[in-house]
């Protein structure tokens, strides 16, 4: 194991969910304001995801703020400032980087939701008592 790997291994987080471009996520970030600390939630769609090597992974989340203004924020995957990442849903996209969303507004900027197959409930056949 080389020196860089040995130094970055303790910084890697184990509770990172499986993220893909097009996922709708809530990122809970720890913000320090003076002597106070609070949690800020940023909710949006993952536009770009770079797993990187070691602790270099990052992802960009885009949301539409008031008056149709798009806000993008880039987070480090293994940042100690990130409390948790909640995946709200998955959408069907055919690109690895969704920069084309920057030029779309309103209904055109919507992404189609992926259908997830629910676990089928299989009932055991009842033993026939009459036979």
N, C-alpha and C. Protein backbone atom coordinates (compact mmCIF):
# COMPACT_ATOMS: atom_id res chain seq x y z
N UNK A 1 0.85 -1.16 0.00
CA UNK A 1 0.00 0.00 0.00
C UNK A 1 0.90 1.24 0.00
N UNK A 2 0.67 2.13 -0.96
CA UNK A 2 1.53 3.31 -1.02
C UNK A 2 1.08 4.35 0.00
N UNK A 3 1.83 5.39 0.14
CA UNK A 3 1.61 6.40 1.17
C UNK A 3 0.31 7.17 0.96
N UNK A 4 0.00 7.51 -0.28
CA UNK A 4 -1.23 8.27 -0.56
C UNK A 4 -2.46 7.46 -0.19
N UNK A 5 -2.48 6.20 -0.54
CA UNK A 5 -3.61 5.34 -0.21
C UNK A 5 -3.75 5.17 1.29
N UNK A 6 -2.64 5.05 1.97
CA UNK A 6 -2.68 4.88 3.42
C UNK A 6 -3.21 6.12 4.13
N UNK A 7 -2.92 7.31 3.58
CA UNK A 7 -3.40 8.54 4.20
C UNK A 7 -4.86 8.83 3.90
N UNK A 8 -5.34 8.46 2.72
CA UNK A 8 -6.72 8.78 2.34
C UNK A 8 -7.73 7.73 2.78
N UNK A 9 -7.29 6.53 3.08
CA UNK A 9 -8.23 5.46 3.46
C UNK A 9 -9.07 5.80 4.69
N UNK A 10 -8.52 6.40 5.76
CA UNK A 10 -9.38 6.73 6.91
C UNK A 10 -10.42 7.81 6.61
N UNK A 11 -10.23 8.59 5.55
CA UNK A 11 -11.16 9.66 5.22
C UNK A 11 -12.35 9.18 4.40
N UNK A 12 -12.30 7.98 3.86
CA UNK A 12 -13.38 7.48 3.02
C UNK A 12 -14.59 7.13 3.87
N UNK A 13 -15.77 7.49 3.36
CA UNK A 13 -17.01 7.19 4.07
C UNK A 13 -17.56 5.86 3.59
N UNK A 14 -18.22 5.15 4.48
CA UNK A 14 -18.78 3.85 4.14
C UNK A 14 -20.28 3.94 3.84
N UNK A 15 -20.93 5.02 4.23
CA UNK A 15 -22.38 5.11 4.10
C UNK A 15 -22.84 5.92 2.90
N UNK A 16 -22.07 5.96 1.83
CA UNK A 16 -22.45 6.69 0.63
C UNK A 16 -23.38 5.81 -0.20
N UNK A 17 -24.58 6.31 -0.54
CA UNK A 17 -25.49 5.49 -1.35
C UNK A 17 -25.00 5.39 -2.79
N UNK A 18 -25.59 4.48 -3.54
CA UNK A 18 -25.24 4.30 -4.95
C UNK A 18 -25.88 5.45 -5.73
N UNK A 19 -25.07 6.35 -6.24
CA UNK A 19 -25.56 7.54 -6.95
C UNK A 19 -25.35 7.38 -8.44
N UNK A 20 -26.28 7.92 -9.23
CA UNK A 20 -26.20 7.93 -10.68
C UNK A 20 -26.66 9.30 -11.18
N UNK A 21 -26.19 9.73 -12.36
CA UNK A 21 -26.72 10.98 -12.93
C UNK A 21 -28.22 10.84 -13.15
N UNK A 22 -28.96 11.89 -12.82
CA UNK A 22 -30.41 11.87 -12.95
C UNK A 22 -31.13 11.53 -11.66
N UNK A 23 -30.42 11.10 -10.64
CA UNK A 23 -31.06 10.80 -9.35
C UNK A 23 -31.49 12.11 -8.68
N UNK A 24 -32.65 12.07 -8.04
CA UNK A 24 -33.10 13.19 -7.22
C UNK A 24 -32.63 12.94 -5.80
N UNK A 25 -31.87 13.88 -5.25
CA UNK A 25 -31.25 13.67 -3.93
C UNK A 25 -31.49 14.86 -3.01
N UNK A 26 -31.38 14.58 -1.72
CA UNK A 26 -31.32 15.61 -0.68
C UNK A 26 -29.95 15.46 -0.02
N UNK A 27 -29.16 16.52 -0.05
CA UNK A 27 -27.84 16.51 0.56
C UNK A 27 -27.89 17.35 1.83
N UNK A 28 -27.65 16.72 2.97
CA UNK A 28 -27.65 17.41 4.27
C UNK A 28 -26.22 17.82 4.58
N UNK A 29 -25.98 19.14 4.62
CA UNK A 29 -24.64 19.68 4.80
C UNK A 29 -24.56 20.44 6.11
N UNK A 30 -23.43 20.27 6.80
CA UNK A 30 -23.19 20.99 8.04
C UNK A 30 -22.61 22.36 7.70
N UNK A 31 -23.28 23.44 8.16
CA UNK A 31 -22.86 24.81 7.90
C UNK A 31 -22.46 25.45 9.23
N UNK A 32 -21.30 26.13 9.24
CA UNK A 32 -20.83 26.81 10.44
C UNK A 32 -21.00 28.31 10.22
N UNK A 33 -21.79 28.95 11.10
CA UNK A 33 -22.01 30.40 11.04
C UNK A 33 -21.57 31.00 12.37
N UNK A 34 -20.39 31.56 12.39
CA UNK A 34 -19.86 32.11 13.64
C UNK A 34 -19.58 30.99 14.63
N UNK A 35 -20.25 31.03 15.77
CA UNK A 35 -20.05 29.98 16.77
C UNK A 35 -21.17 28.94 16.72
N UNK A 36 -22.12 29.11 15.79
CA UNK A 36 -23.23 28.16 15.66
C UNK A 36 -22.99 27.19 14.51
N UNK A 37 -23.62 26.06 14.60
CA UNK A 37 -23.53 25.05 13.54
C UNK A 37 -24.94 24.54 13.27
N UNK A 38 -25.29 24.42 11.99
CA UNK A 38 -26.62 23.93 11.63
C UNK A 38 -26.53 23.05 10.40
N UNK A 39 -27.63 22.35 10.11
CA UNK A 39 -27.71 21.47 8.94
C UNK A 39 -28.52 22.18 7.87
N UNK A 40 -27.98 22.24 6.66
CA UNK A 40 -28.67 22.83 5.52
C UNK A 40 -28.94 21.74 4.50
N UNK A 41 -30.15 21.71 3.96
CA UNK A 41 -30.54 20.68 3.00
C UNK A 41 -30.57 21.30 1.61
N UNK A 42 -29.92 20.64 0.65
CA UNK A 42 -29.92 21.07 -0.74
C UNK A 42 -30.53 19.92 -1.54
N UNK A 43 -31.68 20.17 -2.17
CA UNK A 43 -32.40 19.12 -2.89
C UNK A 43 -32.39 19.44 -4.38
N UNK A 44 -32.07 18.43 -5.19
CA UNK A 44 -32.06 18.63 -6.63
C UNK A 44 -31.71 17.36 -7.37
N UNK A 45 -31.33 17.52 -8.64
CA UNK A 45 -31.00 16.42 -9.53
C UNK A 45 -29.49 16.36 -9.74
N UNK A 46 -28.94 15.16 -9.68
CA UNK A 46 -27.50 15.00 -9.93
C UNK A 46 -27.24 15.19 -11.41
N UNK A 47 -26.43 16.20 -11.74
CA UNK A 47 -26.09 16.48 -13.13
C UNK A 47 -24.80 15.79 -13.55
N UNK A 48 -23.89 15.65 -12.63
CA UNK A 48 -22.57 15.14 -12.95
C UNK A 48 -22.07 14.34 -11.77
N UNK A 49 -21.42 13.23 -12.05
CA UNK A 49 -20.89 12.38 -11.00
C UNK A 49 -19.52 11.90 -11.41
N UNK A 50 -18.54 12.16 -10.56
CA UNK A 50 -17.17 11.72 -10.81
C UNK A 50 -16.72 10.94 -9.59
N UNK A 51 -16.63 9.63 -9.71
CA UNK A 51 -16.27 8.79 -8.56
C UNK A 51 -14.84 9.09 -8.11
N UNK A 52 -13.94 9.31 -9.05
CA UNK A 52 -12.57 9.63 -8.70
C UNK A 52 -11.86 8.49 -8.00
N UNK A 53 -10.61 8.68 -7.72
CA UNK A 53 -9.83 7.68 -6.98
C UNK A 53 -9.64 8.17 -5.57
N UNK A 54 -9.77 7.28 -4.62
CA UNK A 54 -9.58 7.66 -3.23
C UNK A 54 -10.66 8.61 -2.76
N UNK A 55 -10.26 9.72 -2.20
CA UNK A 55 -11.22 10.67 -1.65
C UNK A 55 -11.55 11.80 -2.62
N UNK A 56 -11.27 11.63 -3.91
CA UNK A 56 -11.45 12.70 -4.89
C UNK A 56 -12.81 12.70 -5.57
N UNK A 57 -13.74 11.85 -5.18
CA UNK A 57 -15.04 11.79 -5.83
C UNK A 57 -15.86 13.04 -5.56
N UNK A 58 -16.63 13.47 -6.55
CA UNK A 58 -17.48 14.65 -6.39
C UNK A 58 -18.72 14.52 -7.27
N UNK A 59 -19.75 15.27 -6.93
CA UNK A 59 -20.97 15.27 -7.72
C UNK A 59 -21.58 16.66 -7.70
N UNK A 60 -22.30 16.99 -8.78
CA UNK A 60 -22.93 18.29 -8.91
C UNK A 60 -24.44 18.11 -8.89
N UNK A 61 -25.11 18.90 -8.06
CA UNK A 61 -26.56 18.84 -7.92
C UNK A 61 -27.15 20.15 -8.41
N UNK A 62 -28.23 20.07 -9.20
CA UNK A 62 -28.90 21.26 -9.72
C UNK A 62 -30.33 21.29 -9.23
N UNK A 63 -30.74 22.47 -8.80
CA UNK A 63 -32.14 22.67 -8.43
C UNK A 63 -32.62 23.98 -9.02
N UNK A 64 -33.92 24.13 -9.13
CA UNK A 64 -34.50 25.36 -9.63
C UNK A 64 -34.99 26.16 -8.43
N UNK A 65 -34.41 27.34 -8.23
CA UNK A 65 -34.78 28.20 -7.11
C UNK A 65 -35.96 29.09 -7.53
N UNK A 66 -36.23 30.13 -6.78
CA UNK A 66 -37.36 31.00 -7.08
C UNK A 66 -37.16 31.72 -8.40
N UNK A 67 -38.26 32.02 -9.06
CA UNK A 67 -38.30 32.73 -10.34
C UNK A 67 -37.57 31.97 -11.45
N UNK A 68 -37.46 30.65 -11.33
CA UNK A 68 -36.88 29.84 -12.39
C UNK A 68 -35.38 29.93 -12.52
N UNK A 69 -34.70 30.39 -11.50
CA UNK A 69 -33.24 30.50 -11.54
C UNK A 69 -32.65 29.16 -11.14
N UNK A 70 -31.75 28.63 -11.97
CA UNK A 70 -31.10 27.36 -11.67
C UNK A 70 -29.89 27.57 -10.77
N UNK A 71 -29.78 26.73 -9.74
CA UNK A 71 -28.66 26.80 -8.81
C UNK A 71 -27.95 25.45 -8.84
N UNK A 72 -26.65 25.47 -9.05
CA UNK A 72 -25.85 24.24 -9.05
C UNK A 72 -24.84 24.31 -7.92
N UNK A 73 -24.64 23.17 -7.29
CA UNK A 73 -23.68 23.10 -6.20
C UNK A 73 -22.91 21.80 -6.32
N UNK A 74 -21.59 21.88 -6.17
CA UNK A 74 -20.73 20.71 -6.27
C UNK A 74 -20.29 20.30 -4.87
N UNK A 75 -20.42 19.00 -4.60
CA UNK A 75 -20.06 18.44 -3.29
C UNK A 75 -18.97 17.40 -3.48
N UNK A 76 -18.11 17.25 -2.48
CA UNK A 76 -17.16 16.15 -2.44
C UNK A 76 -17.85 14.95 -1.80
N UNK A 77 -17.70 13.78 -2.39
CA UNK A 77 -18.39 12.58 -1.88
C UNK A 77 -17.99 12.26 -0.45
N UNK A 78 -16.73 12.39 -0.13
CA UNK A 78 -16.23 12.00 1.19
C UNK A 78 -15.99 13.19 2.11
N UNK A 79 -16.67 14.29 1.86
CA UNK A 79 -16.48 15.48 2.67
C UNK A 79 -17.00 15.26 4.09
N UNK A 80 -16.25 15.71 5.10
CA UNK A 80 -16.75 15.59 6.47
C UNK A 80 -17.91 16.54 6.74
N UNK A 81 -18.16 17.51 5.88
CA UNK A 81 -19.27 18.45 6.04
C UNK A 81 -20.61 17.84 5.64
N UNK A 82 -20.60 16.77 4.87
CA UNK A 82 -21.85 16.13 4.45
C UNK A 82 -22.29 15.17 5.54
N UNK A 83 -23.48 15.43 6.09
CA UNK A 83 -24.05 14.56 7.12
C UNK A 83 -24.62 13.29 6.50
N UNK A 84 -25.49 13.47 5.49
CA UNK A 84 -26.07 12.31 4.82
C UNK A 84 -26.59 12.72 3.45
N UNK A 85 -26.78 11.72 2.60
CA UNK A 85 -27.33 11.91 1.27
C UNK A 85 -28.54 10.99 1.15
N UNK A 86 -29.71 11.59 0.91
CA UNK A 86 -30.93 10.81 0.73
C UNK A 86 -31.27 10.76 -0.75
N UNK A 87 -31.45 9.57 -1.30
CA UNK A 87 -31.87 9.42 -2.69
C UNK A 87 -33.38 9.39 -2.70
N UNK A 88 -34.00 10.40 -3.35
CA UNK A 88 -35.45 10.52 -3.37
C UNK A 88 -36.07 9.73 -4.52
N UNK A 89 -35.33 9.57 -5.61
CA UNK A 89 -35.86 8.84 -6.75
C UNK A 89 -34.84 8.76 -7.86
N UNK A 90 -35.13 7.90 -8.84
CA UNK A 90 -34.24 7.71 -9.98
C UNK A 90 -35.00 8.10 -11.24
N UNK A 91 -34.30 8.75 -12.17
CA UNK A 91 -34.92 9.11 -13.44
C UNK A 91 -34.17 8.44 -14.58
N UNK A 92 -34.85 8.34 -15.71
CA UNK A 92 -34.27 7.68 -16.88
C UNK A 92 -33.51 8.72 -17.69
N UNK A 93 -32.19 8.59 -17.77
CA UNK A 93 -31.36 9.48 -18.57
C UNK A 93 -30.44 8.64 -19.44
N UNK A 94 -30.01 9.23 -20.56
CA UNK A 94 -29.14 8.50 -21.48
C UNK A 94 -27.79 9.18 -21.63
N UNK A 95 -27.44 10.03 -20.69
CA UNK A 95 -26.17 10.73 -20.73
C UNK A 95 -25.50 10.60 -19.37
N UNK A 96 -24.18 10.72 -19.35
CA UNK A 96 -23.43 10.67 -18.10
C UNK A 96 -23.38 12.04 -17.44
N UNK A 97 -23.46 13.10 -18.25
CA UNK A 97 -23.44 14.46 -17.71
C UNK A 97 -24.62 15.21 -18.30
N UNK A 98 -25.46 15.76 -17.47
CA UNK A 98 -26.73 16.34 -17.89
C UNK A 98 -26.66 17.85 -18.05
N UNK A 99 -25.62 18.34 -18.72
CA UNK A 99 -25.46 19.77 -18.89
C UNK A 99 -26.55 20.37 -19.78
N UNK A 100 -27.23 19.56 -20.58
CA UNK A 100 -28.27 20.07 -21.45
C UNK A 100 -29.47 20.60 -20.65
N UNK A 101 -29.57 20.24 -19.37
CA UNK A 101 -30.67 20.74 -18.54
C UNK A 101 -30.55 22.24 -18.28
N UNK A 102 -29.35 22.79 -18.43
CA UNK A 102 -29.16 24.22 -18.20
C UNK A 102 -29.95 25.06 -19.18
N UNK A 103 -30.13 24.57 -20.39
CA UNK A 103 -30.84 25.34 -21.41
C UNK A 103 -32.33 25.08 -21.46
N UNK A 104 -32.84 24.20 -20.63
CA UNK A 104 -34.26 23.85 -20.65
C UNK A 104 -34.99 24.52 -19.50
N UNK A 105 -36.26 24.87 -19.74
CA UNK A 105 -37.07 25.52 -18.71
C UNK A 105 -38.44 24.86 -18.64
N UNK A 106 -39.04 24.93 -17.49
CA UNK A 106 -40.41 24.45 -17.32
C UNK A 106 -40.55 22.95 -17.53
N UNK A 107 -41.60 22.58 -18.29
CA UNK A 107 -41.88 21.16 -18.49
C UNK A 107 -40.79 20.45 -19.29
N UNK A 108 -40.08 21.19 -20.13
CA UNK A 108 -39.03 20.58 -20.94
C UNK A 108 -37.87 20.08 -20.08
N UNK A 109 -37.71 20.65 -18.90
CA UNK A 109 -36.60 20.28 -18.03
C UNK A 109 -36.93 19.08 -17.15
N UNK A 110 -38.15 18.56 -17.25
CA UNK A 110 -38.51 17.41 -16.43
C UNK A 110 -37.85 16.15 -16.96
N UNK A 111 -37.51 15.25 -16.07
CA UNK A 111 -36.93 13.97 -16.44
C UNK A 111 -37.93 12.88 -16.12
N UNK A 112 -37.97 11.85 -16.96
CA UNK A 112 -38.93 10.77 -16.78
C UNK A 112 -38.49 9.86 -15.65
N UNK A 113 -39.42 9.54 -14.77
CA UNK A 113 -39.14 8.72 -13.60
C UNK A 113 -38.93 7.27 -14.01
N UNK A 114 -37.93 6.61 -13.40
CA UNK A 114 -37.70 5.19 -13.64
C UNK A 114 -38.73 4.39 -12.88
N UNK A 115 -39.24 3.36 -13.49
CA UNK A 115 -40.17 2.48 -12.79
C UNK A 115 -39.37 1.41 -12.10
N UNK A 116 -39.62 1.25 -10.83
CA UNK A 116 -38.94 0.20 -10.09
C UNK A 116 -39.88 -0.97 -9.93
N UNK A 117 -39.34 -2.14 -10.06
CA UNK A 117 -40.13 -3.35 -9.92
C UNK A 117 -40.26 -3.66 -8.44
N UNK A 118 -41.49 -3.63 -7.97
CA UNK A 118 -41.73 -3.93 -6.56
C UNK A 118 -41.56 -5.42 -6.33
N UNK A 119 -41.13 -5.76 -5.15
CA UNK A 119 -40.96 -7.17 -4.81
C UNK A 119 -42.32 -7.84 -4.81
N UNK A 120 -42.44 -8.85 -5.62
CA UNK A 120 -43.71 -9.56 -5.74
C UNK A 120 -43.95 -10.38 -4.48
N UNK A 121 -45.15 -10.29 -4.00
CA UNK A 121 -45.51 -11.06 -2.81
C UNK A 121 -45.97 -12.43 -3.29
N UNK A 122 -45.24 -13.42 -2.90
CA UNK A 122 -45.56 -14.79 -3.30
C UNK A 122 -46.13 -15.51 -2.09
N UNK A 123 -47.35 -15.97 -2.26
CA UNK A 123 -47.99 -16.68 -1.16
C UNK A 123 -47.76 -18.17 -1.33
N UNK A 124 -47.49 -18.82 -0.24
CA UNK A 124 -47.30 -20.27 -0.27
C UNK A 124 -48.65 -20.93 -0.50
N UNK A 125 -48.70 -21.94 -1.37
CA UNK A 125 -49.98 -22.62 -1.61
C UNK A 125 -50.42 -23.32 -0.33
N UNK A 126 -51.68 -23.13 -0.03
CA UNK A 126 -52.21 -23.75 1.18
C UNK A 126 -52.39 -25.24 0.98
N UNK A 127 -52.05 -25.98 2.00
CA UNK A 127 -52.22 -27.44 1.93
C UNK A 127 -53.71 -27.75 1.96
N UNK A 128 -54.10 -28.58 1.05
CA UNK A 128 -55.52 -28.93 0.98
C UNK A 128 -55.84 -29.90 2.11
N UNK A 129 -56.69 -29.46 3.00
CA UNK A 129 -57.04 -30.27 4.17
C UNK A 129 -58.00 -31.39 3.82
N UNK A 130 -58.74 -31.21 2.72
CA UNK A 130 -59.75 -32.20 2.36
C UNK A 130 -59.14 -33.46 1.77
N UNK A 131 -57.97 -33.38 1.20
CA UNK A 131 -57.40 -34.55 0.54
C UNK A 131 -56.70 -35.46 1.48
